[in-house]
PDB file of all heavy atoms in Angstrom:
ATOM      1  N   TRP A   1     153.063 -29.485 -31.544  1.00  0.00           N
ATOM      2  CA  TRP A   1     153.124 -30.331 -32.796  1.00  0.00           C
ATOM      3  C   TRP A   1     153.503 -29.532 -34.039  1.00  0.00           C
ATOM      4  O   TRP A   1     153.494 -30.028 -35.161  1.00  0.00           O
ATOM      5  CB  TRP A   1     151.796 -31.032 -33.016  1.00  0.00           C
ATOM      6  CG  TRP A   1     151.401 -31.866 -31.829  1.00  0.00           C
ATOM      7  CD1 TRP A   1     150.498 -31.488 -30.868  1.00  0.00           C
ATOM      8  CD2 TRP A   1     151.887 -33.114 -31.534  1.00  0.00           C
ATOM      9  NE1 TRP A   1     150.410 -32.535 -29.965  1.00  0.00           N
ATOM     10  CE2 TRP A   1     151.212 -33.528 -30.336  1.00  0.00           C
ATOM     11  CE3 TRP A   1     152.801 -34.015 -32.089  1.00  0.00           C
ATOM     12  CZ2 TRP A   1     151.485 -34.775 -29.740  1.00  0.00           C
ATOM     13  CZ3 TRP A   1     153.080 -35.233 -31.468  1.00  0.00           C
ATOM     14  CH2 TRP A   1     152.385 -35.619 -30.288  1.00  0.00           C
ATOM     15  N   LYS A   2     153.809 -28.229 -33.831  1.00  0.00           N
ATOM     16  CA  LYS A   2     153.930 -27.380 -35.066  1.00  0.00           C
ATOM     17  C   LYS A   2     155.077 -27.877 -35.966  1.00  0.00           C
ATOM     18  O   LYS A   2     155.015 -27.609 -37.195  1.00  0.00           O
ATOM     19  CB  LYS A   2     154.160 -25.889 -34.626  1.00  0.00           C
ATOM     20  CG  LYS A   2     155.440 -25.644 -33.807  1.00  0.00           C
ATOM     21  CD  LYS A   2     155.629 -24.154 -33.512  1.00  0.00           C
ATOM     22  CE  LYS A   2     154.451 -23.620 -32.713  1.00  0.00           C
ATOM     23  NZ  LYS A   2     154.669 -22.180 -32.388  1.00  0.00           N
ATOM     24  N   ASP A   3     156.101 -28.475 -35.384  1.00  0.00           N
ATOM     25  CA  ASP A   3     157.239 -28.900 -36.232  1.00  0.00           C
ATOM     26  C   ASP A   3     156.813 -30.024 -37.175  1.00  0.00           C
ATOM     27  O   ASP A   3     157.608 -30.305 -38.123  1.00  0.00           O
ATOM     28  CB  ASP A   3     158.398 -29.288 -35.310  1.00  0.00           C
ATOM     29  CG  ASP A   3     159.039 -28.178 -34.612  1.00  0.00           C
ATOM     30  OD1 ASP A   3     158.854 -27.007 -35.076  1.00  0.00           O
ATOM     31  OD2 ASP A   3     159.727 -28.393 -33.600  1.00  0.00           O
ATOM     32  N   ARG A   4     155.691 -30.659 -36.872  1.00  0.00           N
ATOM     33  CA  ARG A   4     155.236 -31.769 -37.717  1.00  0.00           C
ATOM     34  C   ARG A   4     154.213 -31.328 -38.750  1.00  0.00           C
ATOM     35  O   ARG A   4     153.722 -32.170 -39.558  1.00  0.00           O
ATOM     36  CB  ARG A   4     154.682 -32.898 -36.842  1.00  0.00           C
ATOM     37  CG  ARG A   4     155.652 -33.426 -35.802  1.00  0.00           C
ATOM     38  CD  ARG A   4     155.090 -34.619 -35.114  1.00  0.00           C
ATOM     39  NE  ARG A   4     155.965 -35.123 -34.073  1.00  0.00           N
ATOM     40  CZ  ARG A   4     155.717 -36.224 -33.356  1.00  0.00           C
ATOM     41  NH1 ARG A   4     154.690 -36.935 -33.602  1.00  0.00           N
ATOM     42  NH2 ARG A   4     156.643 -36.662 -32.428  1.00  0.00           N
ATOM     43  N   LEU A   5     153.858 -30.054 -38.736  1.00  0.00           N
ATOM     44  CA  LEU A   5     152.918 -29.542 -39.610  1.00  0.00           C
ATOM     45  C   LEU A   5     153.487 -28.805 -40.785  1.00  0.00           C
ATOM     46  O   LEU A   5     154.665 -28.382 -40.790  1.00  0.00           O
ATOM     47  CB  LEU A   5     151.914 -28.597 -38.904  1.00  0.00           C
ATOM     48  CG  LEU A   5     151.227 -29.152 -37.656  1.00  0.00           C
ATOM     49  CD1 LEU A   5     150.384 -28.174 -36.909  1.00  0.00           C
ATOM     50  CD2 LEU A   5     150.375 -30.390 -38.041  1.00  0.00           C
ATOM     51  N   LEU A   6     152.695 -28.613 -41.881  1.00  0.00           N
ATOM     52  CA  LEU A   6     153.138 -27.830 -43.027  1.00  0.00           C
ATOM     53  C   LEU A   6     152.795 -26.373 -42.930  1.00  0.00           C
ATOM     54  O   LEU A   6     151.752 -26.023 -42.572  1.00  0.00           O
ATOM     55  CB  LEU A   6     152.516 -28.414 -44.251  1.00  0.00           C
ATOM     56  CG  LEU A   6     152.716 -29.896 -44.565  1.00  0.00           C
ATOM     57  CD1 LEU A   6     151.802 -30.386 -45.659  1.00  0.00           C
ATOM     58  CD2 LEU A   6     154.157 -30.204 -44.882  1.00  0.00           C
ATOM     59  N   PRO A   7     153.799 -25.478 -43.154  1.00  0.00           N
ATOM     60  CA  PRO A   7     153.440 -24.053 -43.128  1.00  0.00           C
ATOM     61  C   PRO A   7     152.311 -23.626 -44.105  1.00  0.00           C
ATOM     62  O   PRO A   7     152.342 -24.152 -45.260  1.00  0.00           O
ATOM     63  CB  PRO A   7     154.815 -23.373 -43.510  1.00  0.00           C
ATOM     64  CG  PRO A   7     155.830 -24.404 -43.237  1.00  0.00           C
ATOM     65  CD  PRO A   7     155.246 -25.726 -43.525  1.00  0.00           C
ATOM     66  N   LEU A   8     151.430 -22.824 -43.665  1.00  0.00           N
ATOM     67  CA  LEU A   8     150.314 -22.304 -44.471  1.00  0.00           C
ATOM     68  C   LEU A   8     150.578 -20.807 -44.685  1.00  0.00           C
ATOM     69  O   LEU A   8     150.386 -20.067 -43.810  1.00  0.00           O
ATOM     70  CB  LEU A   8     148.971 -22.573 -43.783  1.00  0.00           C
ATOM     71  CG  LEU A   8     147.797 -21.937 -44.421  1.00  0.00           C
ATOM     72  CD1 LEU A   8     147.566 -22.459 -45.834  1.00  0.00           C
ATOM     73  CD2 LEU A   8     146.511 -22.108 -43.575  1.00  0.00           C
ATOM     74  N   PRO A   9     150.929 -20.411 -45.936  1.00  0.00           N
ATOM     75  CA  PRO A   9     151.090 -19.015 -46.227  1.00  0.00           C
ATOM     76  C   PRO A   9     149.773 -18.278 -46.078  1.00  0.00           C
ATOM     77  O   PRO A   9     148.701 -18.777 -46.441  1.00  0.00           O
ATOM     78  CB  PRO A   9     151.554 -19.015 -47.689  1.00  0.00           C
ATOM     79  CG  PRO A   9     152.058 -20.455 -47.985  1.00  0.00           C
ATOM     80  CD  PRO A   9     151.221 -21.319 -47.088  1.00  0.00           C
ATOM     81  N   ALA A  10     149.886 -17.085 -45.429  1.00  0.00           N
ATOM     82  CA  ALA A  10     148.657 -16.290 -45.196  1.00  0.00           C
ATOM     83  C   ALA A  10     147.840 -15.933 -46.386  1.00  0.00           C
ATOM     84  O   ALA A  10     146.602 -15.839 -46.373  1.00  0.00           O
ATOM     85  CB  ALA A  10     149.068 -15.048 -44.379  1.00  0.00           C
ATOM     86  N   PHE A  11     148.527 -15.779 -47.559  1.00  0.00           N
ATOM     87  CA  PHE A  11     147.786 -15.367 -48.760  1.00  0.00           C
ATOM     88  C   PHE A  11     146.808 -16.405 -49.263  1.00  0.00           C
ATOM     89  O   PHE A  11     145.843 -16.082 -50.027  1.00  0.00           O
ATOM     90  CB  PHE A  11     148.792 -14.979 -49.853  1.00  0.00           C
ATOM     91  CG  PHE A  11     149.412 -16.094 -50.601  1.00  0.00           C
ATOM     92  CD1 PHE A  11     148.821 -16.671 -51.692  1.00  0.00           C
ATOM     93  CD2 PHE A  11     150.678 -16.586 -50.170  1.00  0.00           C
ATOM     94  CE1 PHE A  11     149.450 -17.721 -52.356  1.00  0.00           C
ATOM     95  CE2 PHE A  11     151.321 -17.622 -50.768  1.00  0.00           C
ATOM     96  CZ  PHE A  11     150.659 -18.214 -51.895  1.00  0.00           C
ATOM     97  N   LEU A  12     146.978 -17.651 -48.846  1.00  0.00           N
ATOM     98  CA  LEU A  12     146.014 -18.746 -49.319  1.00  0.00           C
ATOM     99  C   LEU A  12     144.731 -18.667 -48.483  1.00  0.00           C
ATOM    100  O   LEU A  12     143.703 -19.120 -48.979  1.00  0.00           O
ATOM    101  CB  LEU A  12     146.663 -20.098 -49.080  1.00  0.00           C
ATOM    102  CG  LEU A  12     147.806 -20.444 -50.028  1.00  0.00           C
ATOM    103  CD1 LEU A  12     148.421 -21.786 -49.762  1.00  0.00           C
ATOM    104  CD2 LEU A  12     147.360 -20.377 -51.529  1.00  0.00           C
ATOM    105  N   CYS A  13     144.781 -18.028 -47.324  1.00  0.00           N
ATOM    106  CA  CYS A  13     143.502 -17.807 -46.593  1.00  0.00           C
ATOM    107  C   CYS A  13     142.921 -16.387 -46.860  1.00  0.00           C
ATOM    108  O   CYS A  13     141.701 -16.231 -46.808  1.00  0.00           O
ATOM    109  CB  CYS A  13     143.799 -17.984 -45.085  1.00  0.00           C
ATOM    110  SG  CYS A  13     144.372 -19.646 -44.615  1.00  0.00           S
ATOM    111  N   ASP A  14     143.787 -15.464 -47.112  1.00  0.00           N
ATOM    112  CA  ASP A  14     143.348 -14.092 -47.369  1.00  0.00           C
ATOM    113  C   ASP A  14     144.217 -13.492 -48.445  1.00  0.00           C
ATOM    114  O   ASP A  14     145.375 -13.106 -48.210  1.00  0.00           O
ATOM    115  CB  ASP A  14     143.470 -13.221 -46.068  1.00  0.00           C
ATOM    116  CG  ASP A  14     143.035 -11.799 -46.233  1.00  0.00           C
ATOM    117  OD1 ASP A  14     142.528 -11.493 -47.378  1.00  0.00           O
ATOM    118  OD2 ASP A  14     143.112 -11.059 -45.284  1.00  0.00           O
ATOM    119  N   PRO A  15     143.708 -13.445 -49.663  1.00  0.00           N
ATOM    120  CA  PRO A  15     144.446 -12.897 -50.808  1.00  0.00           C
ATOM    121  C   PRO A  15     144.956 -11.462 -50.664  1.00  0.00           C
ATOM    122  O   PRO A  15     145.882 -11.036 -51.367  1.00  0.00           O
ATOM    123  CB  PRO A  15     143.512 -13.018 -52.039  1.00  0.00           C
ATOM    124  CG  PRO A  15     142.513 -14.038 -51.617  1.00  0.00           C
ATOM    125  CD  PRO A  15     142.361 -13.834 -50.128  1.00  0.00           C
ATOM    126  N   THR A  16     144.355 -10.716 -49.749  1.00  0.00           N
ATOM    127  CA  THR A  16     144.801  -9.331 -49.529  1.00  0.00           C
ATOM    128  C   THR A  16     146.096  -9.231 -48.681  1.00  0.00           C
ATOM    129  O   THR A  16     146.684  -8.187 -48.579  1.00  0.00           O
ATOM    130  CB  THR A  16     143.698  -8.498 -48.817  1.00  0.00           C
ATOM    131  OG1 THR A  16     143.463  -9.028 -47.501  1.00  0.00           O
ATOM    132  CG2 THR A  16     142.446  -8.589 -49.623  1.00  0.00           C
ATOM    133  N   GLN A  17     146.466 -10.339 -48.069  1.00  0.00           N
ATOM    134  CA  GLN A  17     147.696 -10.372 -47.263  1.00  0.00           C
ATOM    135  C   GLN A  17     148.899 -10.250 -48.156  1.00  0.00           C
ATOM    136  O   GLN A  17     149.009 -10.854 -49.211  1.00  0.00           O
ATOM    137  CB  GLN A  17     147.776 -11.674 -46.435  1.00  0.00           C
ATOM    138  CG  GLN A  17     146.776 -11.796 -45.323  1.00  0.00           C
ATOM    139  CD  GLN A  17     147.088 -10.937 -44.192  1.00  0.00           C
ATOM    140  OE1 GLN A  17     148.272 -10.694 -43.857  1.00  0.00           O
ATOM    141  NE2 GLN A  17     146.041 -10.483 -43.455  1.00  0.00           N
ATOM    142  N   ALA A  18     149.868  -9.407 -47.651  1.00  0.00           N
ATOM    143  CA  ALA A  18     151.148  -9.264 -48.450  1.00  0.00           C
ATOM    144  C   ALA A  18     151.874 -10.600 -48.377  1.00  0.00           C
ATOM    145  O   ALA A  18     151.803 -11.364 -47.401  1.00  0.00           O
ATOM    146  CB  ALA A  18     152.000  -8.133 -47.812  1.00  0.00           C
ATOM    147  N   SER A  19     152.539 -10.925 -49.443  1.00  0.00           N
ATOM    148  CA  SER A  19     153.284 -12.176 -49.555  1.00  0.00           C
ATOM    149  C   SER A  19     154.567 -11.910 -50.414  1.00  0.00           C
ATOM    150  O   SER A  19     154.684 -10.992 -51.137  1.00  0.00           O
ATOM    151  CB  SER A  19     152.446 -13.282 -50.185  1.00  0.00           C
ATOM    152  OG  SER A  19     152.107 -12.959 -51.448  1.00  0.00           O
ATOM    153  N   GLY A  20     155.513 -12.878 -50.224  1.00  0.00           N
ATOM    154  CA  GLY A  20     156.801 -12.785 -50.930  1.00  0.00           C
ATOM    155  C   GLY A  20     157.283 -14.117 -51.375  1.00  0.00           C
ATOM    156  O   GLY A  20     156.580 -15.121 -51.260  1.00  0.00           O
ATOM    157  N   TRP A  21     158.493 -14.216 -51.775  1.00  0.00           N
ATOM    158  CA  TRP A  21     159.031 -15.399 -52.379  1.00  0.00           C
ATOM    159  C   TRP A  21     159.042 -16.567 -51.454  1.00  0.00           C
ATOM    160  O   TRP A  21     158.768 -17.693 -51.830  1.00  0.00           O
ATOM    161  CB  TRP A  21     160.384 -15.168 -52.980  1.00  0.00           C
ATOM    162  CG  TRP A  21     160.384 -14.361 -54.202  1.00  0.00           C
ATOM    163  CD1 TRP A  21     160.554 -12.991 -54.368  1.00  0.00           C
ATOM    164  CD2 TRP A  21     160.132 -14.794 -55.562  1.00  0.00           C
ATOM    165  NE1 TRP A  21     160.404 -12.641 -55.643  1.00  0.00           N
ATOM    166  CE2 TRP A  21     160.137 -13.672 -56.432  1.00  0.00           C
ATOM    167  CE3 TRP A  21     159.909 -16.091 -56.091  1.00  0.00           C
ATOM    168  CZ2 TRP A  21     159.984 -13.837 -57.769  1.00  0.00           C
ATOM    169  CZ3 TRP A  21     159.684 -16.221 -57.470  1.00  0.00           C
ATOM    170  CH2 TRP A  21     159.746 -15.076 -58.259  1.00  0.00           C
ATOM    171  N   GLN A  22     159.359 -16.347 -50.159  1.00  0.00           N
ATOM    172  CA  GLN A  22     159.374 -17.409 -49.216  1.00  0.00           C
ATOM    173  C   GLN A  22     157.946 -17.962 -49.037  1.00  0.00           C
ATOM    174  O   GLN A  22     157.758 -19.182 -48.867  1.00  0.00           O
ATOM    175  CB  GLN A  22     159.923 -16.951 -47.878  1.00  0.00           C
ATOM    176  CG  GLN A  22     160.091 -18.065 -46.869  1.00  0.00           C
ATOM    177  CD  GLN A  22     161.087 -19.184 -47.306  1.00  0.00           C
ATOM    178  OE1 GLN A  22     162.179 -18.962 -47.644  1.00  0.00           O
ATOM    179  NE2 GLN A  22     160.581 -20.459 -47.346  1.00  0.00           N
ATOM    180  N   ASP A  23     156.958 -17.102 -48.963  1.00  0.00           N
ATOM    181  CA  ASP A  23     155.578 -17.549 -48.869  1.00  0.00           C
ATOM    182  C   ASP A  23     155.184 -18.335 -50.092  1.00  0.00           C
ATOM    183  O   ASP A  23     154.484 -19.392 -49.932  1.00  0.00           O
ATOM    184  CB  ASP A  23     154.625 -16.311 -48.761  1.00  0.00           C
ATOM    185  CG  ASP A  23     154.950 -15.439 -47.563  1.00  0.00           C
ATOM    186  OD1 ASP A  23     154.902 -15.949 -46.425  1.00  0.00           O
ATOM    187  OD2 ASP A  23     155.195 -14.256 -47.739  1.00  0.00           O
ATOM    188  N   TRP A  24     155.552 -17.966 -51.292  1.00  0.00           N
ATOM    189  CA  TRP A  24     155.214 -18.663 -52.459  1.00  0.00           C
ATOM    190  C   TRP A  24     155.951 -20.040 -52.474  1.00  0.00           C
ATOM    191  O   TRP A  24     155.371 -20.976 -52.956  1.00  0.00           O
ATOM    192  CB  TRP A  24     155.564 -17.819 -53.675  1.00  0.00           C
ATOM    193  CG  TRP A  24     154.974 -16.456 -53.708  1.00  0.00           C
ATOM    194  CD1 TRP A  24     153.810 -16.073 -53.003  1.00  0.00           C
ATOM    195  CD2 TRP A  24     155.355 -15.311 -54.387  1.00  0.00           C
ATOM    196  NE1 TRP A  24     153.546 -14.795 -53.198  1.00  0.00           N
ATOM    197  CE2 TRP A  24     154.498 -14.279 -54.054  1.00  0.00           C
ATOM    198  CE3 TRP A  24     156.426 -15.026 -55.174  1.00  0.00           C
ATOM    199  CZ2 TRP A  24     154.589 -12.940 -54.512  1.00  0.00           C
ATOM    200  CZ3 TRP A  24     156.567 -13.723 -55.731  1.00  0.00           C
ATOM    201  CH2 TRP A  24     155.623 -12.725 -55.387  1.00  0.00           C
ATOM    202  N   LEU A  25     157.157 -20.043 -51.995  1.00  0.00           N
ATOM    203  CA  LEU A  25     157.883 -21.344 -51.899  1.00  0.00           C
ATOM    204  C   LEU A  25     157.142 -22.254 -50.998  1.00  0.00           C
ATOM    205  O   LEU A  25     156.924 -23.445 -51.286  1.00  0.00           O
ATOM    206  CB  LEU A  25     159.362 -21.108 -51.494  1.00  0.00           C
ATOM    207  CG  LEU A  25     160.171 -22.378 -51.240  1.00  0.00           C
ATOM    208  CD1 LEU A  25     160.254 -23.241 -52.516  1.00  0.00           C
ATOM    209  CD2 LEU A  25     161.550 -22.021 -50.797  1.00  0.00           C
ATOM    210  N   ASN A  26     156.739 -21.761 -49.852  1.00  0.00           N
ATOM    211  CA  ASN A  26     155.937 -22.565 -48.894  1.00  0.00           C
ATOM    212  C   ASN A  26     154.635 -23.094 -49.510  1.00  0.00           C
ATOM    213  O   ASN A  26     154.198 -24.212 -49.261  1.00  0.00           O
ATOM    214  CB  ASN A  26     155.687 -21.800 -47.614  1.00  0.00           C
ATOM    215  CG  ASN A  26     156.898 -21.594 -46.745  1.00  0.00           C
ATOM    216  OD1 ASN A  26     157.864 -22.350 -46.859  1.00  0.00           O
ATOM    217  ND2 ASN A  26     156.882 -20.603 -45.881  1.00  0.00           N
ATOM    218  N   GLY A  27     154.007 -22.220 -50.292  1.00  0.00           N
ATOM    219  CA  GLY A  27     152.763 -22.562 -51.032  1.00  0.00           C
ATOM    220  C   GLY A  27     153.029 -23.699 -51.953  1.00  0.00           C
ATOM    221  O   GLY A  27     152.201 -24.632 -52.095  1.00  0.00           O
ATOM    222  N   LEU A  28     154.079 -23.577 -52.747  1.00  0.00           N
ATOM    223  CA  LEU A  28     154.400 -24.638 -53.703  1.00  0.00           C
ATOM    224  C   LEU A  28     154.679 -26.012 -53.069  1.00  0.00           C
ATOM    225  O   LEU A  28     154.303 -27.083 -53.451  1.00  0.00           O
ATOM    226  CB  LEU A  28     155.653 -24.281 -54.510  1.00  0.00           C
ATOM    227  CG  LEU A  28     155.445 -23.461 -55.809  1.00  0.00           C
ATOM    228  CD1 LEU A  28     156.830 -23.240 -56.469  1.00  0.00           C
ATOM    229  CD2 LEU A  28     154.566 -24.142 -56.772  1.00  0.00           C
ATOM    230  N   ARG A  29     155.413 -25.878 -51.842  1.00  0.00           N
ATOM    231  CA  ARG A  29     155.703 -27.160 -51.115  1.00  0.00           C
ATOM    232  C   ARG A  29     154.456 -27.741 -50.541  1.00  0.00           C
ATOM    233  O   ARG A  29     154.284 -28.964 -50.477  1.00  0.00           O
ATOM    234  CB  ARG A  29     156.716 -26.784 -49.986  1.00  0.00           C
ATOM    235  CG  ARG A  29     158.121 -26.523 -50.523  1.00  0.00           C
ATOM    236  CD  ARG A  29     159.057 -26.030 -49.460  1.00  0.00           C
ATOM    237  NE  ARG A  29     160.436 -25.969 -49.884  1.00  0.00           N
ATOM    238  CZ  ARG A  29     161.428 -25.386 -49.260  1.00  0.00           C
ATOM    239  NH1 ARG A  29     161.117 -24.726 -48.060  1.00  0.00           N
ATOM    240  NH2 ARG A  29     162.650 -25.292 -49.739  1.00  0.00           N
ATOM    241  N   LEU A  30     153.489 -26.868 -50.130  1.00  0.00           N
ATOM    242  CA  LEU A  30     152.264 -27.345 -49.535  1.00  0.00           C
ATOM    243  C   LEU A  30     151.434 -28.089 -50.608  1.00  0.00           C
ATOM    244  O   LEU A  30     151.101 -29.274 -50.401  1.00  0.00           O
ATOM    245  CB  LEU A  30     151.473 -26.187 -48.977  1.00  0.00           C
ATOM    246  CG  LEU A  30     150.050 -26.503 -48.463  1.00  0.00           C
ATOM    247  CD1 LEU A  30     150.148 -27.361 -47.252  1.00  0.00           C
ATOM    248  CD2 LEU A  30     149.345 -25.229 -48.196  1.00  0.00           C
ATOM    249  N   SER A  31     151.194 -27.496 -51.748  1.00  0.00           N
ATOM    250  CA  SER A  31     150.343 -28.161 -52.771  1.00  0.00           C
ATOM    251  C   SER A  31     151.086 -29.324 -53.299  1.00  0.00           C
ATOM    252  O   SER A  31     150.501 -30.303 -53.660  1.00  0.00           O
ATOM    253  CB  SER A  31     149.980 -27.120 -53.822  1.00  0.00           C
ATOM    254  OG  SER A  31     151.135 -26.523 -54.425  1.00  0.00           O
ATOM    255  N   GLY A  32     152.449 -29.170 -53.461  1.00  0.00           N
ATOM    256  CA  GLY A  32     153.248 -30.248 -54.000  1.00  0.00           C
ATOM    257  C   GLY A  32     153.159 -31.515 -53.137  1.00  0.00           C
ATOM    258  O   GLY A  32     153.184 -32.659 -53.617  1.00  0.00           O
ATOM    259  N   TYR A  33     153.158 -31.300 -51.815  1.00  0.00           N
ATOM    260  CA  TYR A  33     153.090 -32.421 -50.870  1.00  0.00           C
ATOM    261  C   TYR A  33     151.845 -33.307 -51.127  1.00  0.00           C
ATOM    262  O   TYR A  33     151.915 -34.503 -51.194  1.00  0.00           O
ATOM    263  CB  TYR A  33     153.083 -31.931 -49.424  1.00  0.00           C
ATOM    264  CG  TYR A  33     152.843 -33.095 -48.394  1.00  0.00           C
ATOM    265  CD1 TYR A  33     153.961 -33.798 -47.925  1.00  0.00           C
ATOM    266  CD2 TYR A  33     151.612 -33.318 -47.926  1.00  0.00           C
ATOM    267  CE1 TYR A  33     153.747 -34.819 -47.026  1.00  0.00           C
ATOM    268  CE2 TYR A  33     151.401 -34.388 -47.047  1.00  0.00           C
ATOM    269  CZ  TYR A  33     152.461 -35.145 -46.571  1.00  0.00           C
ATOM    270  OH  TYR A  33     152.282 -36.114 -45.646  1.00  0.00           O
ATOM    271  N   PHE A  34     150.683 -32.606 -51.265  1.00  0.00           N
ATOM    272  CA  PHE A  34     149.465 -33.360 -51.434  1.00  0.00           C
ATOM    273  C   PHE A  34     149.326 -33.887 -52.864  1.00  0.00           C
ATOM    274  O   PHE A  34     148.716 -34.966 -53.070  1.00  0.00           O
ATOM    275  CB  PHE A  34     148.271 -32.522 -51.031  1.00  0.00           C
ATOM    276  CG  PHE A  34     148.196 -32.263 -49.564  1.00  0.00           C
ATOM    277  CD1 PHE A  34     148.661 -31.049 -49.014  1.00  0.00           C
ATOM    278  CD2 PHE A  34     147.698 -33.210 -48.739  1.00  0.00           C
ATOM    279  CE1 PHE A  34     148.642 -30.865 -47.684  1.00  0.00           C
ATOM    280  CE2 PHE A  34     147.651 -33.012 -47.337  1.00  0.00           C
ATOM    281  CZ  PHE A  34     148.193 -31.852 -46.828  1.00  0.00           C
ATOM    282  N   LEU A  35     149.853 -33.173 -53.856  1.00  0.00           N
ATOM    283  CA  LEU A  35     149.874 -33.751 -55.182  1.00  0.00           C
ATOM    284  C   LEU A  35     150.722 -35.036 -55.209  1.00  0.00           C
ATOM    285  O   LEU A  35     150.272 -36.038 -55.798  1.00  0.00           O
ATOM    286  CB  LEU A  35     150.442 -32.759 -56.187  1.00  0.00           C
ATOM    287  CG  LEU A  35     149.541 -31.585 -56.641  1.00  0.00           C
ATOM    288  CD1 LEU A  35     150.272 -30.530 -57.390  1.00  0.00           C
ATOM    289  CD2 LEU A  35     148.361 -32.150 -57.494  1.00  0.00           C
ATOM    290  N   ALA A  36     151.925 -34.979 -54.601  1.00  0.00           N
ATOM    291  CA  ALA A  36     152.810 -36.124 -54.576  1.00  0.00           C
ATOM    292  C   ALA A  36     152.150 -37.265 -53.825  1.00  0.00           C
ATOM    293  O   ALA A  36     152.230 -38.478 -54.312  1.00  0.00           O
ATOM    294  CB  ALA A  36     154.168 -35.755 -53.959  1.00  0.00           C
ATOM    295  N   ARG A  37     151.487 -37.004 -52.727  1.00  0.00           N
ATOM    296  CA  ARG A  37     150.966 -38.116 -51.937  1.00  0.00           C
ATOM    297  C   ARG A  37     149.679 -38.698 -52.477  1.00  0.00           C
ATOM    298  O   ARG A  37     149.514 -39.912 -52.586  1.00  0.00           O
ATOM    299  CB  ARG A  37     150.663 -37.589 -50.507  1.00  0.00           C
ATOM    300  CG  ARG A  37     150.276 -38.755 -49.533  1.00  0.00           C
ATOM    301  CD  ARG A  37     149.770 -38.238 -48.215  1.00  0.00           C
ATOM    302  NE  ARG A  37     148.444 -37.638 -48.353  1.00  0.00           N
ATOM    303  CZ  ARG A  37     147.725 -37.106 -47.327  1.00  0.00           C
ATOM    304  NH1 ARG A  37     148.265 -37.153 -46.107  1.00  0.00           N
ATOM    305  NH2 ARG A  37     146.569 -36.632 -47.550  1.00  0.00           N
ATOM    306  N   ASP A  38     148.743 -37.778 -52.903  1.00  0.00           N
ATOM    307  CA  ASP A  38     147.401 -38.238 -53.272  1.00  0.00           C
ATOM    308  C   ASP A  38     147.208 -38.458 -54.789  1.00  0.00           C
ATOM    309  O   ASP A  38     146.692 -39.452 -55.154  1.00  0.00           O
ATOM    310  CB  ASP A  38     146.377 -37.185 -52.774  1.00  0.00           C
ATOM    311  CG  ASP A  38     146.362 -37.161 -51.280  1.00  0.00           C
ATOM    312  OD1 ASP A  38     146.641 -38.141 -50.575  1.00  0.00           O
ATOM    313  OD2 ASP A  38     146.094 -36.015 -50.762  1.00  0.00           O
ATOM    314  N   ALA A  39     147.651 -37.501 -55.598  1.00  0.00           N
ATOM    315  CA  ALA A  39     147.423 -37.558 -57.023  1.00  0.00           C
ATOM    316  C   ALA A  39     148.378 -38.555 -57.758  1.00  0.00           C
ATOM    317  O   ALA A  39     148.009 -39.189 -58.698  1.00  0.00           O
ATOM    318  CB  ALA A  39     147.490 -36.237 -57.606  1.00  0.00           C
ATOM    319  N   PHE A  40     149.623 -38.640 -57.185  1.00  0.00           N
ATOM    320  CA  PHE A  40     150.586 -39.469 -57.849  1.00  0.00           C
ATOM    321  C   PHE A  40     151.066 -40.679 -57.002  1.00  0.00           C
ATOM    322  O   PHE A  40     151.298 -41.713 -57.482  1.00  0.00           O
ATOM    323  CB  PHE A  40     151.870 -38.600 -58.279  1.00  0.00           C
ATOM    324  CG  PHE A  40     151.553 -37.618 -59.378  1.00  0.00           C
ATOM    325  CD1 PHE A  40     151.174 -36.338 -59.087  1.00  0.00           C
ATOM    326  CD2 PHE A  40     151.629 -38.043 -60.649  1.00  0.00           C
ATOM    327  CE1 PHE A  40     150.844 -35.473 -60.099  1.00  0.00           C
ATOM    328  CE2 PHE A  40     151.374 -37.171 -61.664  1.00  0.00           C
ATOM    329  CZ  PHE A  40     150.950 -35.862 -61.410  1.00  0.00           C
TER     330      PHE A  40
END
């Protein structure tokens, strides 16, 4: 079912994990999905 799930960047679970622009983009898309669905 992984293709139906939202990617979770590792830095959101462990801030010590290295991250880069693609991780940050995935993080924005993750929080944006729930803001769009639930808050708006």
